[in-house]
Protein backbone atom coordinates (compact mmCIF):
# COMPACT_ATOMS: atom_id res chain seq x y z
CA UNK A 1 -163.16 -5.37 -31.94
CA UNK A 2 -162.38 -9.03 -32.51
CA UNK A 3 -158.60 -9.37 -31.94
CA UNK A 4 -158.24 -11.63 -34.98
CA UNK A 5 -159.83 -8.98 -37.21
CA UNK A 6 -157.74 -6.24 -35.64
CA UNK A 7 -154.56 -8.11 -36.62
CA UNK A 8 -155.60 -8.63 -40.22
CA UNK A 9 -154.27 -6.43 -43.01
CA UNK A 10 -157.49 -5.25 -44.66
CA UNK A 11 -156.11 -2.35 -46.73
CA UNK A 12 -155.44 -3.94 -50.13
CA UNK A 13 -153.84 -7.01 -48.52
CA UNK A 14 -152.92 -8.75 -51.80
CA UNK A 15 -150.91 -5.73 -52.95
CA UNK A 16 -149.22 -5.62 -49.56
CA UNK A 17 -148.15 -9.23 -49.95
CA UNK A 18 -146.80 -8.55 -53.43
CA UNK A 19 -144.77 -5.58 -52.15
CA UNK A 20 -143.34 -7.80 -49.42
CA UNK A 21 -142.34 -10.49 -51.92
CA UNK A 22 -140.54 -7.89 -54.03
CA UNK A 23 -138.78 -6.20 -51.11
CA UNK A 24 -140.73 -2.98 -51.59
CA UNK A 25 -142.92 -3.05 -48.46
CA UNK A 26 -141.35 -0.02 -46.80
CA UNK A 27 -143.33 2.45 -44.72
CA UNK A 28 -142.04 5.94 -45.45
CA UNK A 29 -142.65 8.35 -42.62
CA UNK A 30 -141.10 11.59 -43.86
CA UNK A 31 -140.27 13.29 -47.18
CA UNK A 32 -138.06 16.20 -48.22
CA UNK A 33 -137.00 17.37 -51.68
CA UNK A 34 -135.96 14.14 -53.48
CA UNK A 35 -135.64 12.01 -50.37
CA UNK A 36 -138.04 9.73 -48.54
CA UNK A 37 -137.26 8.48 -45.03
CA UNK A 38 -138.20 5.33 -43.15
CA UNK A 39 -137.15 3.87 -39.80
CA UNK A 40 -135.40 0.53 -39.61
CA UNK A 41 -135.83 -2.08 -36.89
CA UNK A 42 -133.54 -0.13 -34.57
CA UNK A 43 -135.52 3.09 -34.98
CA UNK A 44 -132.82 4.72 -37.07
CA UNK A 45 -134.09 7.02 -39.80
CA UNK A 46 -132.92 5.83 -43.22
CA UNK A 47 -132.89 8.21 -46.22
CA UNK A 48 -133.92 6.85 -49.62
CA UNK A 49 -133.24 8.79 -52.80
CA UNK A 50 -136.59 9.00 -54.59
CA UNK A 51 -136.60 8.87 -58.39
CA UNK A 52 -140.30 7.95 -58.60
CA UNK A 53 -141.50 11.37 -57.50
CA UNK A 54 -145.13 10.36 -57.12
CA UNK A 55 -145.09 9.14 -60.75
CA UNK A 56 -144.36 12.69 -61.83
CA UNK A 57 -146.21 14.55 -59.04
CA UNK A 58 -143.26 16.25 -57.36
CA UNK A 59 -141.66 18.52 -59.95
CA UNK A 60 -140.99 20.95 -57.05
CA UNK A 61 -139.88 18.16 -54.71
CA UNK A 62 -141.45 16.59 -51.64
CA UNK A 63 -142.61 19.11 -49.07
CA UNK A 64 -141.61 22.20 -51.01
CA UNK A 65 -141.29 24.81 -48.23
CA UNK A 66 -143.11 27.56 -50.12
CA UNK A 67 -146.01 25.24 -50.95
CA UNK A 68 -146.16 23.81 -47.43
CA UNK A 69 -145.99 27.27 -45.88
CA UNK A 70 -148.79 28.49 -48.13
CA UNK A 71 -150.87 25.40 -47.32
CA UNK A 72 -150.50 26.12 -43.61
CA UNK A 73 -151.44 29.73 -44.20
CA UNK A 74 -154.59 28.68 -46.06
CA UNK A 75 -155.65 26.18 -43.40
CA UNK A 76 -154.83 28.50 -40.52
CA UNK A 77 -156.96 31.14 -42.24
CA UNK A 78 -159.92 28.79 -42.30
CA UNK A 79 -160.13 28.51 -46.08
CA UNK A 80 -163.35 26.63 -46.93
CA UNK A 81 -162.97 23.27 -48.65
CA UNK A 82 -166.72 22.79 -49.02
CA UNK A 83 -168.36 25.82 -50.59
CA UNK A 84 -169.80 24.26 -53.72
CA UNK A 85 -172.10 26.17 -56.08
CA UNK A 86 -170.63 29.53 -55.16
CA UNK A 87 -168.12 31.94 -56.65
CA UNK A 88 -164.54 30.62 -56.95
CA UNK A 89 -162.22 33.49 -57.97
CA UNK A 90 -159.09 31.40 -57.32
CA UNK A 91 -160.29 28.90 -59.94
CA UNK A 92 -160.55 31.67 -62.52
CA UNK A 93 -157.12 32.91 -61.48
CA UNK A 94 -155.65 29.47 -62.17
CA UNK A 95 -157.42 29.27 -65.52
CA UNK A 96 -156.09 32.71 -66.48
CA UNK A 97 -152.51 31.82 -65.52
CA UNK A 98 -152.56 28.56 -67.46
CA UNK A 99 -154.11 30.33 -70.46
CA UNK A 100 -151.22 32.80 -70.38
CA UNK A 101 -148.82 29.86 -70.66
CA UNK A 102 -150.85 28.41 -73.55
CA UNK A 103 -150.64 31.73 -75.38
CA UNK A 104 -146.89 31.87 -74.90
CA UNK A 105 -146.04 28.27 -75.76
CA UNK A 106 -148.48 27.77 -78.64
CA UNK A 107 -148.75 31.30 -80.02
CA UNK A 108 -152.55 31.35 -79.91
CA UNK A 109 -155.10 33.88 -78.68
CA UNK A 110 -157.95 31.38 -78.41
CA UNK A 111 -158.99 30.96 -74.77
CA UNK A 112 -159.44 27.61 -73.03
CA UNK A 113 -162.20 27.07 -70.50
CA UNK A 114 -161.29 25.08 -67.40
CA UNK A 115 -163.20 22.22 -65.77
CA UNK A 116 -161.74 21.07 -62.46
CA UNK A 117 -161.07 17.57 -61.15
CA UNK A 118 -159.20 15.67 -58.43
CA UNK A 119 -156.95 13.32 -60.40
CA UNK A 120 -155.48 12.75 -63.83
CA UNK A 121 -157.82 9.87 -64.66
CA UNK A 122 -160.79 12.04 -63.72
CA UNK A 123 -159.48 14.89 -65.87
CA UNK A 124 -159.22 12.48 -68.81
CA UNK A 125 -162.76 11.27 -68.19
CA UNK A 126 -164.00 14.87 -68.20
CA UNK A 127 -162.39 15.31 -71.61
CA UNK A 128 -164.05 12.08 -72.78
CA UNK A 129 -167.42 13.19 -71.42
CA UNK A 130 -167.20 16.65 -72.95
CA UNK A 131 -166.09 15.24 -76.31
CA UNK A 132 -169.07 12.88 -76.30
CA UNK A 133 -171.36 15.69 -75.12
CA UNK A 134 -170.18 17.68 -78.13
CA UNK A 135 -170.58 14.70 -80.47
CA UNK A 136 -174.14 14.07 -79.27
CA UNK A 137 -174.94 17.77 -79.77
CA UNK A 138 -173.64 17.53 -83.32
CA UNK A 139 -175.75 14.40 -83.87
CA UNK A 140 -178.79 16.29 -82.62
CA UNK A 141 -178.04 19.15 -85.02
CA UNK A 142 -177.58 16.66 -87.86
CA UNK A 143 -180.88 14.95 -87.04
CA UNK A 144 -182.62 18.32 -87.07
CA UNK A 145 -181.13 19.14 -90.46
CA UNK A 146 -182.27 15.78 -91.87
CA UNK A 147 -185.80 16.37 -90.53
CA UNK A 148 -185.80 19.80 -92.18
CA UNK A 149 -184.57 18.35 -95.48
CA UNK A 150 -187.27 15.68 -95.37
CA UNK A 151 -189.93 18.38 -95.02
CA UNK A 152 -188.41 20.27 -97.95
CA UNK A 153 -188.52 17.07 -99.99
CA UNK A 154 -192.21 16.59 -99.14
CA UNK A 155 -192.93 20.13 -100.35
CA UNK A 156 -190.95 19.57 -103.56
CA UNK A 157 -192.68 16.25 -104.19
CA UNK A 158 -196.08 17.90 -103.69
CA UNK A 159 -195.02 20.41 -106.35
CA UNK A 160 -194.26 17.65 -108.83
CA UNK A 161 -190.61 16.79 -108.13
CA UNK A 162 -189.82 13.13 -108.83
CA UNK A 163 -187.75 10.72 -106.74
CA UNK A 164 -184.46 9.97 -108.46
CA UNK A 165 -182.49 6.75 -108.12
CA UNK A 166 -178.74 6.31 -107.77
CA UNK A 167 -176.07 4.59 -105.69
CA UNK A 168 -177.21 6.16 -102.41
CA UNK A 169 -180.80 5.06 -103.13
CA UNK A 170 -179.57 1.50 -103.73
CA UNK A 171 -177.65 1.49 -100.44
CA UNK A 172 -180.76 2.78 -98.66
CA UNK A 173 -182.83 0.02 -100.28
CA UNK A 174 -180.48 -2.55 -98.77
CA UNK A 175 -180.18 -0.88 -95.36
CA UNK A 176 -183.72 0.38 -94.87
CA UNK A 177 -185.80 -2.22 -96.70
CA UNK A 178 -187.00 0.17 -99.41
CA UNK A 179 -188.20 -1.36 -102.65
CA UNK A 180 -187.30 0.08 -106.03
CA UNK A 181 -189.81 2.70 -107.16
CA UNK A 182 -191.27 3.08 -103.64
CA UNK A 183 -193.25 6.26 -102.93
CA UNK A 184 -191.59 9.08 -100.99
CA UNK A 185 -193.29 8.23 -97.68
CA UNK A 186 -191.86 4.72 -97.81
CA UNK A 187 -188.43 6.12 -98.66
CA UNK A 188 -188.64 8.47 -95.67
CA UNK A 189 -189.68 5.59 -93.42
CA UNK A 190 -186.72 3.61 -94.74
CA UNK A 191 -184.37 6.50 -94.02
CA UNK A 192 -185.58 6.65 -90.43
CA UNK A 193 -185.20 2.86 -90.02
CA UNK A 194 -181.71 2.84 -91.46
CA UNK A 195 -180.54 5.93 -89.57
CA UNK A 196 -181.88 5.02 -86.12
CA UNK A 197 -179.25 2.39 -85.15
CA UNK A 198 -176.48 4.43 -86.73
CA UNK A 199 -177.39 7.54 -84.76
CA UNK A 200 -177.70 5.49 -81.56
CA UNK A 201 -174.38 3.65 -81.97
CA UNK A 202 -171.84 4.29 -79.20
CA UNK A 203 -168.83 6.49 -79.98
CA UNK A 204 -165.35 5.29 -80.80
CA UNK A 205 -162.23 6.76 -79.24
CA UNK A 206 -158.80 6.54 -80.85
CA UNK A 207 -155.43 6.39 -79.09
CA UNK A 208 -151.86 5.40 -79.95
CA UNK A 209 -150.62 1.94 -79.11
CA UNK A 210 -148.94 2.03 -75.70
CA UNK A 211 -151.30 4.66 -74.28
CA UNK A 212 -152.06 4.95 -70.59
CA UNK A 213 -154.74 7.37 -69.43
CA UNK A 214 -155.91 5.98 -66.10
CA UNK A 215 -157.83 3.07 -64.61
CA UNK A 216 -161.31 4.47 -64.06
CA UNK A 217 -164.26 3.00 -65.98
CA UNK A 218 -163.87 5.37 -68.93
CA UNK A 219 -160.17 6.16 -68.91
CA UNK A 220 -159.14 2.50 -68.67
CA UNK A 221 -160.70 1.96 -72.12
CA UNK A 222 -157.97 4.30 -73.45
CA UNK A 223 -155.23 2.34 -71.69
CA UNK A 224 -153.60 -0.04 -74.16
CA UNK A 225 -152.37 -2.64 -71.68
CA UNK A 226 -155.01 -5.43 -71.88
CA UNK A 227 -154.27 -6.48 -68.30
CA UNK A 228 -155.77 -3.21 -67.09
CA UNK A 229 -158.46 -2.83 -69.76
CA UNK A 230 -159.89 -6.19 -70.79
CA UNK A 231 -161.83 -7.08 -67.60
CA UNK A 232 -163.79 -3.84 -67.98
CA UNK A 233 -164.13 -3.62 -71.75
CA UNK A 234 -167.92 -3.92 -71.68
CA UNK A 235 -168.44 -1.01 -69.30
CA UNK A 236 -167.76 2.02 -71.51
CA UNK A 237 -167.07 3.33 -75.00
CA UNK A 238 -164.45 1.39 -76.89
CA UNK A 239 -161.09 2.57 -78.14
CA UNK A 240 -159.19 1.67 -81.29
CA UNK A 241 -155.43 1.65 -80.74
CA UNK A 242 -153.35 2.93 -83.64
CA UNK A 243 -149.75 2.28 -84.64
CA UNK A 244 -149.30 6.00 -85.22
CA UNK A 245 -145.65 5.77 -86.25
CA UNK A 246 -146.77 3.91 -89.38
CA UNK A 247 -147.55 6.74 -91.85
CA UNK A 248 -150.95 5.52 -93.07
CA UNK A 249 -152.20 3.77 -89.93
CA UNK A 250 -154.29 6.61 -88.50
CA UNK A 251 -155.93 7.52 -91.81
CA UNK A 252 -156.81 3.86 -92.39
CA UNK A 253 -158.27 3.52 -88.89
CA UNK A 254 -160.37 6.65 -89.30
CA UNK A 255 -161.67 5.33 -92.61
CA UNK A 256 -162.47 1.94 -91.06
CA UNK A 257 -164.79 3.50 -88.47
CA UNK A 258 -166.36 6.04 -90.84
CA UNK A 259 -170.16 5.81 -90.93
CA UNK A 260 -172.88 7.67 -92.85
CA UNK A 261 -176.57 8.41 -92.47
CA UNK A 262 -179.16 8.88 -95.18
CA UNK A 263 -180.76 12.21 -96.05
CA UNK A 264 -182.84 13.75 -98.82
CA UNK A 265 -181.86 16.66 -101.06
CA UNK A 266 -183.84 18.59 -103.65
CA UNK A 267 -181.63 18.88 -106.71
CA UNK A 268 -182.70 20.26 -110.11
CA UNK A 269 -186.37 19.55 -109.67
CA UNK A 270 -185.76 16.03 -108.32
CA UNK A 271 -185.60 14.54 -104.84
CA UNK A 272 -182.46 12.48 -104.30
CA UNK A 273 -181.27 10.18 -101.52
CA UNK A 274 -177.85 11.32 -100.29
CA UNK A 275 -175.45 10.21 -97.58
CA UNK A 276 -173.88 12.41 -94.95
CA UNK A 277 -170.91 11.76 -92.73
CA UNK A 278 -171.69 10.76 -89.16
CA UNK A 279 -169.50 11.97 -86.28
CA UNK A 280 -168.45 8.52 -85.10
CA UNK A 281 -165.12 9.24 -83.39
CA UNK A 282 -165.50 11.26 -80.19
CA UNK A 283 -161.78 12.10 -79.82
CA UNK A 284 -158.20 11.06 -80.40
CA UNK A 285 -156.38 10.87 -77.06
CA UNK A 286 -152.59 10.89 -76.69
CA UNK A 287 -149.68 11.58 -74.34
CA UNK A 288 -146.85 13.64 -75.87
CA UNK A 289 -144.53 11.44 -73.80
CA UNK A 290 -145.98 7.99 -73.19
CA UNK A 291 -145.16 7.41 -69.53
CA UNK A 292 -146.37 3.91 -68.80
CA UNK A 293 -145.32 2.56 -72.21
CA UNK A 294 -141.69 3.02 -71.23
CA UNK A 295 -141.16 6.81 -71.53
CA UNK A 296 -141.59 7.11 -75.28
CA UNK A 297 -141.42 10.62 -76.75
CA UNK A 298 -143.49 11.59 -79.77
CA UNK A 299 -141.67 13.22 -82.67
CA UNK A 300 -142.87 16.32 -84.52
CA UNK A 301 -143.49 14.46 -87.77
CA UNK A 302 -145.85 11.96 -86.12
CA UNK A 303 -147.58 14.71 -84.16
CA UNK A 304 -148.17 16.73 -87.33
CA UNK A 305 -149.51 13.68 -89.15
CA UNK A 306 -151.97 13.10 -86.29
CA UNK A 307 -153.01 16.75 -86.32
CA UNK A 308 -153.67 16.76 -90.05
CA UNK A 309 -155.61 13.49 -90.06
CA UNK A 310 -157.81 14.53 -87.15
CA UNK A 311 -158.42 18.01 -88.59
CA UNK A 312 -159.49 16.52 -91.93
CA UNK A 313 -161.95 14.20 -90.18
CA UNK A 314 -163.20 16.78 -87.67
CA UNK A 315 -161.90 14.74 -84.72
CA UNK A 316 -160.84 16.67 -81.60
CA UNK A 317 -157.48 15.85 -80.02
CA UNK A 318 -157.12 15.32 -76.28
CA UNK A 319 -153.54 15.91 -75.13
CA UNK A 320 -152.93 14.16 -71.81
CA UNK A 321 -150.27 16.20 -69.99
CA UNK A 322 -151.01 14.63 -66.59
CA UNK A 323 -147.50 13.19 -66.25
CA UNK A 324 -145.53 15.12 -68.87
CA UNK A 325 -146.85 18.61 -68.11
CA UNK A 326 -146.03 21.22 -65.46
CA UNK A 327 -142.50 21.80 -66.72
CA UNK A 328 -141.16 18.26 -66.49
CA UNK A 329 -139.81 18.20 -70.07
CA UNK A 330 -138.33 21.71 -70.03
CA UNK A 331 -141.56 23.49 -71.00
CA UNK A 332 -144.86 23.80 -69.18
CA UNK A 333 -146.53 21.64 -71.85
CA UNK A 334 -144.55 18.78 -73.39
CA UNK A 335 -146.80 19.06 -76.45
CA UNK A 336 -145.41 22.54 -77.11
CA UNK A 337 -142.11 20.90 -78.13
CA UNK A 338 -144.12 19.19 -80.88
CA UNK A 339 -146.19 22.18 -81.94
CA UNK A 340 -149.27 20.10 -81.10
CA UNK A 341 -152.06 22.25 -79.67
CA UNK A 342 -154.79 20.05 -78.24
CA UNK A 343 -158.51 20.76 -78.36
CA UNK A 344 -158.49 19.38 -74.83
CA UNK A 345 -155.53 19.42 -72.44
CA UNK A 346 -155.45 17.59 -69.11
CA UNK A 347 -153.23 18.49 -66.16
CA UNK A 348 -152.85 16.88 -62.73
CA UNK A 349 -150.05 15.31 -60.63
CA UNK A 350 -147.58 18.20 -60.13
CA UNK A 351 -150.40 20.73 -60.45
CA UNK A 352 -150.97 20.19 -56.73
CA UNK A 353 -147.40 21.15 -55.85
CA UNK A 354 -146.75 17.73 -54.33
CA UNK A 355 -149.23 18.51 -51.53
CA UNK A 356 -152.78 18.82 -52.87
CA UNK A 357 -154.93 16.68 -55.14
CA UNK A 358 -155.64 18.97 -58.08
CA UNK A 359 -156.46 18.45 -61.74
CA UNK A 360 -157.99 20.39 -64.59
CA UNK A 361 -159.32 19.77 -68.08
CA UNK A 362 -158.81 22.65 -70.50
CA UNK A 363 -161.19 22.92 -73.46
CA UNK A 364 -160.48 25.04 -76.53
CA UNK A 365 -163.01 27.86 -76.82
CA UNK A 366 -164.21 26.86 -80.28
CA UNK A 367 -165.05 23.39 -78.94
CA UNK A 368 -166.48 24.34 -75.58
CA UNK A 369 -170.13 23.57 -74.77
CA UNK A 370 -171.13 25.76 -71.83
CA UNK A 371 -174.12 23.52 -71.04
CA UNK A 372 -171.64 20.84 -69.98
CA UNK A 373 -171.13 22.75 -66.73
CA UNK A 374 -174.69 21.83 -65.72
CA UNK A 375 -174.31 18.10 -66.29
CA UNK A 376 -170.89 17.53 -64.72
CA UNK A 377 -169.63 18.23 -61.22
CA UNK A 378 -167.32 16.81 -58.57
CA UNK A 379 -167.63 17.38 -54.82
CA UNK A 380 -163.99 18.13 -54.06
CA UNK A 381 -162.95 19.63 -57.39
CA UNK A 382 -162.25 23.38 -57.54
CA UNK A 383 -162.15 23.75 -53.75
CA UNK A 384 -160.33 26.78 -52.42
CA UNK A 385 -157.48 24.84 -50.82
CA UNK A 386 -156.34 22.63 -53.72
CA UNK A 387 -156.99 25.24 -56.41
CA UNK A 388 -155.12 27.95 -54.52
CA UNK A 389 -152.20 25.54 -54.10
CA UNK A 390 -152.28 24.98 -57.86
CA UNK A 391 -152.15 28.75 -58.45
CA UNK A 392 -149.07 29.02 -56.23
CA UNK A 393 -147.47 26.05 -58.00
CA UNK A 394 -147.86 27.69 -61.41
CA UNK A 395 -146.42 30.89 -59.97
CA UNK A 396 -143.34 29.02 -58.72
CA UNK A 397 -142.83 27.33 -62.10
CA UNK A 398 -143.18 30.63 -63.94
CA UNK A 399 -140.96 32.59 -61.52
CA UNK A 400 -137.68 34.10 -62.67
CA UNK A 401 -138.57 33.81 -66.34
CA UNK A 402 -139.37 30.10 -66.06
CA UNK A 403 -136.21 29.08 -64.22
CA UNK A 404 -137.85 25.77 -63.26
CA UNK A 405 -138.16 24.83 -66.93
CA UNK A 406 -134.51 25.59 -67.52
CA UNK A 407 -133.58 23.49 -64.49
CA UNK A 408 -135.68 20.60 -65.75
CA UNK A 409 -133.89 20.72 -69.10
CA UNK A 410 -130.43 21.06 -67.54
CA UNK A 411 -130.91 18.44 -64.81
CA UNK A 412 -132.53 16.11 -67.32
CA UNK A 413 -129.67 16.49 -69.77
CA UNK A 414 -127.17 15.67 -67.02
CA UNK A 415 -129.13 12.58 -66.02
CA UNK A 416 -129.56 11.43 -69.62
CA UNK A 417 -125.84 11.81 -70.31
CA UNK A 418 -125.07 9.72 -67.22
CA UNK A 419 -127.54 7.01 -68.26
CA UNK A 420 -126.17 6.89 -71.81
CA UNK A 421 -122.68 6.51 -70.38
CA UNK A 422 -123.89 3.46 -68.47
CA UNK A 423 -125.51 2.15 -71.64
CA UNK A 424 -122.19 2.34 -73.45
CA UNK A 425 -120.46 0.60 -70.54
CA UNK A 426 -123.11 -2.10 -70.05
CA UNK A 427 -124.49 -2.52 -73.56
CA UNK A 428 -125.33 -6.18 -73.01
CA UNK A 429 -127.65 -5.19 -70.17
CA UNK A 430 -129.02 -1.74 -71.08
CA UNK A 431 -131.13 -1.69 -74.22
CA UNK A 432 -132.12 1.98 -74.45
CA UNK A 433 -132.27 5.35 -72.74
CA UNK A 434 -135.27 7.52 -73.64
CA UNK A 435 -137.11 10.60 -72.51
CA UNK A 436 -136.99 14.35 -72.32
CA UNK A 437 -136.07 16.63 -69.43
CA UNK A 438 -136.86 15.01 -66.10
CA UNK A 439 -138.98 12.24 -67.59
CA UNK A 440 -136.51 9.49 -68.45
CA UNK A 441 -136.63 5.75 -69.01
CA UNK A 442 -133.84 3.16 -68.68
CA UNK A 443 -134.77 0.01 -70.63
CA UNK A 444 -133.11 -3.35 -69.97
CA UNK A 445 -132.61 -6.23 -72.36
CA UNK A 446 -134.88 -9.21 -71.79
CA UNK A 447 -133.51 -11.44 -69.06
CA UNK A 448 -135.86 -14.42 -69.41
CA UNK A 449 -132.95 -16.61 -70.58
CA UNK A 450 -130.67 -15.56 -67.73
CA UNK A 451 -128.46 -18.28 -66.23
CA UNK A 452 -129.63 -17.09 -62.80
CA UNK A 453 -133.03 -18.62 -62.13
CA UNK A 454 -134.21 -15.82 -59.85
CA UNK A 455 -133.58 -13.31 -62.65
CA UNK A 456 -135.00 -15.48 -65.43
CA UNK A 457 -138.05 -16.48 -63.40
CA UNK A 458 -139.03 -12.93 -62.50
CA UNK A 459 -138.43 -11.82 -66.10
CA UNK A 460 -140.70 -14.58 -67.43
CA UNK A 461 -143.34 -13.56 -64.88
CA UNK A 462 -143.23 -9.97 -66.14
CA UNK A 463 -141.71 -8.73 -62.88
CA UNK A 464 -138.12 -7.97 -63.90
CA UNK A 465 -138.46 -4.25 -63.26
CA UNK A 466 -139.82 -4.86 -59.78
CA UNK A 467 -136.99 -7.30 -59.01
CA UNK A 468 -134.50 -4.60 -60.01
CA UNK A 469 -136.40 -2.01 -57.95
CA UNK A 470 -136.27 -4.20 -54.86
CA UNK A 471 -132.52 -4.65 -55.24
CA UNK A 472 -131.90 -0.92 -55.68
CA UNK A 473 -133.96 -0.11 -52.60
CA UNK A 474 -132.46 -2.80 -50.37
CA UNK A 475 -128.83 -2.46 -51.40
CA UNK A 476 -128.45 1.15 -52.54
CA UNK A 477 -131.35 2.99 -50.86
CA UNK A 478 -132.63 4.12 -54.26
CA UNK A 479 -136.36 4.25 -54.96
CA UNK A 480 -136.98 3.57 -58.66
CA UNK A 481 -139.97 1.74 -60.15
CA UNK A 482 -140.75 0.35 -63.60
CA UNK A 483 -143.32 1.79 -65.96
CA UNK A 484 -146.69 0.02 -65.71
CA UNK A 485 -146.94 -1.41 -69.23
CA UNK A 486 -143.24 -1.84 -70.00
CA UNK A 487 -141.81 -3.43 -66.86
CA UNK A 488 -138.31 -3.82 -68.34
CA UNK A 489 -138.04 -0.02 -68.23
CA UNK A 490 -137.25 1.87 -65.04
CA UNK A 491 -138.60 5.43 -64.84
CA UNK A 492 -136.71 8.40 -63.43
CA UNK A 493 -138.78 11.48 -62.57
CA UNK A 494 -137.02 13.52 -59.90
CA UNK A 495 -137.64 17.17 -59.09
CA UNK A 496 -135.95 20.22 -60.55
CA UNK A 497 -133.89 20.37 -57.33
CA UNK A 498 -132.07 17.10 -58.06
CA UNK A 499 -128.38 17.75 -57.40
CA UNK A 500 -125.14 16.68 -59.02
CA UNK A 501 -124.27 14.75 -55.85
CA UNK A 502 -127.57 12.88 -56.07
CA UNK A 503 -126.89 12.13 -59.74
CA UNK A 504 -123.52 10.66 -58.74
CA UNK A 505 -125.19 8.58 -56.01
CA UNK A 506 -127.73 7.32 -58.52
CA UNK A 507 -124.99 6.44 -60.98
CA UNK A 508 -123.14 4.40 -58.36
CA UNK A 509 -126.26 2.46 -57.45
CA UNK A 510 -127.20 1.78 -61.06
CA UNK A 511 -123.64 0.65 -61.82
CA UNK A 512 -123.93 -1.83 -58.96
CA UNK A 513 -127.19 -3.15 -60.38
CA UNK A 514 -125.84 -3.39 -63.91
CA UNK A 515 -122.76 -5.22 -62.68
CA UNK A 516 -124.73 -7.98 -60.94
CA UNK A 517 -127.02 -8.31 -63.96
CA UNK A 518 -124.08 -8.52 -66.36
CA UNK A 519 -122.44 -11.13 -64.13
CA UNK A 520 -125.74 -13.06 -63.81
CA UNK A 521 -125.32 -12.91 -60.04
CA UNK A 522 -128.73 -14.14 -58.93
CA UNK A 523 -127.70 -14.36 -55.27
CA UNK A 524 -127.38 -10.58 -55.15
CA UNK A 525 -131.15 -10.29 -55.62
CA UNK A 526 -131.94 -12.48 -52.62
CA UNK A 527 -132.33 -10.52 -49.35
CA UNK A 528 -130.16 -11.80 -46.49
CA UNK A 529 -133.09 -12.22 -44.07
CA UNK A 530 -136.63 -13.56 -44.36
CA UNK A 531 -138.45 -12.82 -47.61
CA UNK A 532 -139.14 -9.15 -48.01
CA UNK A 533 -137.04 -8.09 -44.97
CA UNK A 534 -135.19 -4.83 -45.48
CA UNK A 535 -131.42 -4.88 -45.19
CA UNK A 536 -131.39 -1.40 -43.62
């Protein structure tokens, strides 16, 4: 190989440079519970307390010994990873176990079918695809009904029924180029002309403002942050973002996208033009706790308003539990705190026990289209290794009467109390503390007018959270990162094994950060060596 090429950084080199500039370019070589380890320039192993937790992927901690031991057992036993288009009993076992949780937390007997994936974004896209598959099937059924009604109208007209006018006829005349008093055949032709573009129009998805559902071609359309979404807005179905905490916003949005098609009806010896509602919205997609928007928790009132509006309009709800699920908020499903039962539910991240890449999309039985299984597949999804790891993960969460959920609630309450204490002490720096269980956000006041140029400059560049993260890593060996769309908010998502001693260590580090911010001590954010060099 050319030596010059061999020395180049070719693995996402721009991102590597950005990490270096922020003091976050650390190579971690080992992980255990809530600690990551790297080696400094002397070869000494340095422990870093990890509050990122794989963005919510390590509810059981890094390298959970039971999960790792089971993974070794599976691999040593020669478990097949590639045995597609064959029987997968472990997949059904996982689906059954998760359904048992759904029955308990939502009080329902309706089963959910499971479609498997490799990541949260892929699970969301499966929900999008299935929702559109269902919408297209309903359009096909509607088209068939209109064709049947047209034939009935022909029969009625042949028997002497006249063609009546009315408001719907007038709207058809404008949309389909039908003249007043036109014969039935011309009216039918006009109906087909007017309906064709409406039936072929792409679907609309709805989501709350602040949503984040991934960065793939489809899921990025549901991600509110325009920096992620706008470059790809022409590639997939569009999303309307709704200020759902405003009481009438969702109903108004649904009305604004409502569309109709024309049909014929035989009524009292006359043939009339009528309009029928068109299924325009494929789904409403939400996170019960908005992770990347700054850890914002939905309230029951808003959730119920969404449920009622979507039920009235026949719109399915996709509940994205990729980050908030698997016990992180003190229940397996964060949406169960809200009484919000989704038509689709997505799980990923911690489903793999911190070891495997595993995800699943759950579809309510009354919505499920079995034919979807023949038009969607994924090479690595539902393999024996990752799915079996997911089964064991659910077992560990459910063990001892759901002890993990109780730990998440207790540990989270302890952390939240500590953070709120810091907010009271440093009110000029800390703006808010939000979250539920072990999914918490610490929001800082805007620092773009700071007297320290390094602080103000990074704040104006939208990098304040990363500046704070670099300081915490370099000075206090704490790994904390901001949320993607609200970079003034630091996220805290440790495991259920997070200890009181680790909480105290975190508090000390955050107090150090808050002190230098309060004192506008810009020099504290400058590393002592060359740019990006670790102090450890």
